[in-house]
Structures are given as structure tokens and as C-alpha cells.
Amino acid sequence: LPSVTLWRELENPFELANALNNLGVVLLEIGEYMEARQAFEETREIFQSLGYQRGVALAMHNLGETAYKMGEYANAREHLSEALRIRQHLGLPRGYPYSFELIAQVNEKEGRYEQAVQLLAAAETLRTRIGAPLEQVAQKHVTAVLASASAHLGDVAYELAWSKGAALTTEQAIALALS
């Protein structure tokens, strides 16, 4: 990517980290997971060296998504939990729903269906409250998790989990995500 090369040459670490993150996102989209992981790891290292915790949280989240797509669910949970802890520490509520949704996907893969549904309900409630709707491209992942969870739980347990999740405070949802 020309911008990565340019920012390396200009020795601008902040812009380099942003360019690497963007490169990682593209690589993730096209299924180049190892290359995406490398880009996100370098992004994290640069942001850590700059003391830019918001960037570290983003890189950790993206590393978690990469691990999830590679089927490394424990690794995904670890990265996603760290991203959520940083977001909580910095008070970045717009990042919470992203964390909840991806951790819910990990939960679904691990058979933790009730937690998955509760986190997705909490994410939707929070998105409504802060005016940050779910992007259409991400909706298909949420819909797939909810369909799987509904099939495994049955209607009554599913509705109960959704209601419980929708009623969680943000702090309770964070605690559930980190459990």
C-alpha cells in the first residue's frame, strides 16, 4: 500500500499506524488473515509506543476479529476483552457495542448462546441510546448469531435472554462481556 510506504519514509508513526490499520481491515475483508494480523500487531505496537490508548483499543479489537475469523476463539476473547477494558477505562461508549457484538459472536461459537443474545440485546439498546445504529454490513453477522442462538435455546429461553440483555445497564453489559 503506497500510504504505508509513504508514512514509513516520512517517519510519521501516527499516520503509519492508521495506514497499517486500514491495510489490516482490507486484508481481513479479503481473507488474508495472517497478513492482517501482522498489520494490526504493528499498529498496536506503534500506538502503544505513542501512548495512544484509543488506537491500542482499536488494534486489539481488530486483532480479536482476526482471531475470531481464524477460529481462534480463546485468543479472540482475550483481545476483545482487552479492547473493551481500554474503551471502558477511557470512557468510549461508542466502542462498547462493537465489543459486545464481536464477543457475542465468540460466545455463539463456544455454545454460550444466552450470553450471546444478552450481549446483542445490550448492544442494540446502547446503540439506540447513543444514536449509533449498526452498519448494514455488520447486521448479517448479528442476524446469524441470533438465528443460531434461537435455534439452540428455543423461543422462550431466547426471548428471556433478549429481555434480560436489553435491560442490562452498560456496566452490567461490560461485566457480562468480560465474564
Protein backbone atom coordinates (compact mmCIF):
# COMPACT_ATOMS: atom_id res chain seq x y z
CA LEU A 1 0.00 0.00 0.00
CA PRO A 2 1.57 3.30 -1.06
CA SER A 3 0.39 5.17 2.04
CA VAL A 4 2.15 2.70 4.37
CA THR A 5 5.39 3.19 2.42
CA LEU A 6 4.93 6.96 2.39
CA TRP A 7 4.34 7.25 6.13
CA ARG A 8 7.34 5.00 6.82
CA GLU A 9 9.51 7.25 4.65
CA LEU A 10 8.16 10.40 6.30
CA GLU A 11 8.72 8.80 9.72
CA ASN A 12 5.24 9.74 10.90
CA PRO A 13 4.30 6.90 13.29
CA PHE A 14 0.75 8.04 13.99
CA GLU A 15 -0.22 8.18 10.31
CA LEU A 16 1.73 4.98 9.67
CA ALA A 17 -0.31 3.19 12.36
CA ASN A 18 -3.56 4.48 10.82
CA ALA A 19 -2.46 3.35 7.35
CA LEU A 20 -1.47 -0.08 8.71
CA ASN A 21 -4.83 -0.39 10.46
CA ASN A 22 -6.65 0.44 7.22
CA LEU A 23 -4.49 -2.08 5.37
CA GLY A 24 -5.32 -4.69 8.02
CA VAL A 25 -9.05 -4.06 7.60
CA VAL A 26 -8.78 -4.60 3.84
CA LEU A 27 -6.70 -7.75 4.32
CA LEU A 28 -9.25 -9.05 6.82
CA GLU A 29 -12.09 -8.45 4.36
CA ILE A 30 -10.35 -10.45 1.62
CA GLY A 31 -9.42 -13.32 3.93
CA GLU A 32 -5.68 -12.64 4.23
CA TYR A 33 -5.73 -13.29 7.98
CA MET A 34 -2.03 -13.75 8.70
CA GLU A 35 -1.15 -10.54 6.85
CA ALA A 36 -3.99 -8.70 8.60
CA ARG A 37 -2.72 -9.93 11.97
CA GLN A 38 0.76 -8.61 11.16
CA ALA A 39 -0.63 -5.20 10.19
CA PHE A 40 -2.75 -4.98 13.36
CA GLU A 41 0.14 -6.10 15.59
CA GLU A 42 2.36 -3.38 14.15
CA THR A 43 -0.50 -0.89 14.56
CA ARG A 44 -0.83 -1.86 18.23
CA GLU A 45 2.93 -1.59 18.82
CA ILE A 46 3.10 1.87 17.28
CA PHE A 47 0.08 3.17 19.18
CA GLN A 48 1.47 1.68 22.41
CA SER A 49 4.81 3.40 21.83
CA LEU A 50 2.94 6.70 21.27
CA GLY A 51 0.81 6.16 24.39
CA TYR A 52 -2.35 6.43 22.25
CA GLN A 53 -4.67 4.08 24.11
CA ARG A 54 -7.67 4.68 21.85
CA GLY A 55 -5.59 3.35 18.95
CA VAL A 56 -4.40 0.42 21.06
CA ALA A 57 -8.06 -0.45 21.76
CA LEU A 58 -8.86 -0.34 18.04
CA ALA A 59 -5.88 -2.54 17.18
CA MET A 60 -6.77 -5.02 19.94
CA HIS A 61 -10.37 -5.16 18.68
CA ASN A 62 -9.14 -5.81 15.15
CA LEU A 63 -6.73 -8.49 16.38
CA GLY A 64 -9.70 -10.07 18.16
CA GLU A 65 -11.78 -10.03 14.99
CA THR A 66 -8.87 -11.57 13.08
CA ALA A 67 -8.50 -14.34 15.66
CA TYR A 68 -12.28 -14.93 15.53
CA LYS A 69 -12.21 -15.30 11.75
CA MET A 70 -9.29 -17.73 12.10
CA GLY A 71 -11.31 -19.85 14.55
CA GLU A 72 -9.05 -18.94 17.49
CA TYR A 73 -11.87 -18.18 19.90
CA ALA A 74 -9.91 -18.03 23.18
CA ASN A 75 -7.40 -15.68 21.57
CA ALA A 76 -10.25 -13.62 20.12
CA ARG A 77 -11.91 -13.32 23.53
CA GLU A 78 -8.63 -12.22 25.12
CA HIS A 79 -8.02 -9.45 22.56
CA LEU A 80 -11.65 -8.30 22.53
CA SER A 81 -11.81 -8.20 26.33
CA GLU A 82 -8.65 -6.09 26.46
CA ALA A 83 -10.08 -3.70 23.85
CA LEU A 84 -13.27 -3.38 25.90
CA ARG A 85 -11.31 -2.77 29.13
CA ILE A 86 -9.35 0.04 27.45
CA ARG A 87 -12.54 1.54 25.99
CA GLN A 88 -14.16 1.41 29.43
CA HIS A 89 -11.10 2.99 31.08
CA LEU A 90 -11.07 5.81 28.51
CA GLY A 91 -14.86 6.24 28.60
CA LEU A 92 -15.50 5.44 24.93
CA PRO A 93 -19.12 4.20 24.90
CA ARG A 94 -19.36 4.31 21.10
CA GLY A 95 -16.90 1.41 21.04
CA TYR A 96 -18.82 -0.78 23.51
CA PRO A 97 -21.43 -2.11 21.06
CA TYR A 98 -18.69 -3.26 18.67
CA SER A 99 -17.08 -5.15 21.53
CA PHE A 100 -20.38 -6.63 22.68
CA GLU A 101 -21.29 -7.77 19.16
CA LEU A 102 -18.00 -9.47 18.43
CA ILE A 103 -17.78 -11.08 21.87
CA ALA A 104 -21.35 -12.32 21.26
CA GLN A 105 -20.13 -13.96 18.05
CA VAL A 106 -17.36 -15.69 20.01
CA ASN A 107 -19.91 -16.77 22.64
CA GLU A 108 -22.12 -18.27 19.95
CA LYS A 109 -19.21 -20.29 18.52
CA GLU A 110 -18.44 -21.54 22.04
CA GLY A 111 -22.07 -22.52 22.70
CA ARG A 112 -22.71 -19.68 25.16
CA TYR A 113 -26.00 -18.79 23.50
CA GLU A 114 -27.72 -16.95 26.35
CA GLN A 115 -24.74 -14.64 26.84
CA ALA A 116 -24.56 -14.06 23.08
CA VAL A 117 -28.21 -13.00 22.91
CA GLN A 118 -27.91 -10.84 26.04
CA LEU A 119 -24.86 -9.03 24.67
CA LEU A 120 -26.55 -8.40 21.31
CA ALA A 121 -29.63 -7.05 23.07
CA ALA A 122 -27.44 -4.82 25.25
CA ALA A 123 -25.56 -3.62 22.16
CA GLU A 124 -28.81 -2.74 20.39
CA THR A 125 -30.12 -0.90 23.45
CA LEU A 126 -26.88 1.07 23.78
CA ARG A 127 -26.75 1.85 20.06
CA THR A 128 -30.29 3.25 20.27
CA ARG A 129 -29.43 5.32 23.33
CA ILE A 130 -26.28 6.87 21.85
CA GLY A 131 -27.58 7.17 18.29
CA ALA A 132 -25.06 4.81 16.69
CA PRO A 133 -27.00 2.35 14.50
CA LEU A 134 -25.43 -0.92 13.42
CA GLU A 135 -23.90 -0.73 9.96
CA GLN A 136 -25.78 -2.79 7.40
CA VAL A 137 -22.70 -4.87 6.56
CA ALA A 138 -22.41 -5.98 10.20
CA GLN A 139 -26.13 -6.77 10.50
CA LYS A 140 -25.75 -10.13 8.73
CA HIS A 141 -23.33 -11.35 11.43
CA VAL A 142 -25.69 -10.30 14.23
CA THR A 143 -28.65 -11.91 12.45
CA ALA A 144 -26.72 -15.19 12.02
CA VAL A 145 -25.77 -15.30 15.71
CA LEU A 146 -29.35 -14.59 16.76
CA ALA A 147 -30.72 -17.29 14.43
CA SER A 148 -28.25 -19.85 15.76
CA ALA A 149 -28.92 -18.91 19.37
CA SER A 150 -32.68 -19.03 18.83
CA ALA A 151 -32.42 -22.50 17.27
CA HIS A 152 -30.36 -23.77 20.20
CA LEU A 153 -32.28 -22.08 23.02
CA GLY A 154 -35.86 -22.27 21.78
CA ASP A 155 -38.28 -19.38 21.66
CA VAL A 156 -38.95 -18.91 25.37
CA ALA A 157 -35.31 -19.02 26.51
CA TYR A 158 -34.31 -16.82 23.58
CA GLU A 159 -36.93 -14.16 24.41
CA LEU A 160 -35.98 -14.31 28.08
CA ALA A 161 -32.28 -13.84 27.24
CA TRP A 162 -33.11 -10.93 24.90
CA SER A 163 -35.25 -9.21 27.55
CA LYS A 164 -32.59 -9.69 30.19
CA GLY A 165 -29.88 -8.31 27.90
CA ALA A 166 -31.96 -5.32 26.83
CA ALA A 167 -32.48 -4.40 30.49
CA LEU A 168 -28.78 -4.50 31.41
CA THR A 169 -27.04 -1.29 32.37
CA THR A 170 -23.92 -0.51 30.38
CA GLU A 171 -21.76 -1.54 33.34
CA GLN A 172 -23.65 -4.85 33.67
CA ALA A 173 -23.23 -5.50 29.95
CA ILE A 174 -19.49 -4.83 30.21
CA ALA A 175 -19.26 -7.23 33.14
CA LEU A 176 -21.15 -9.88 31.14
CA ALA A 177 -18.89 -9.36 28.13
CA LEU A 178 -15.80 -9.77 30.29
CA SER A 179 -17.09 -12.87 32.10
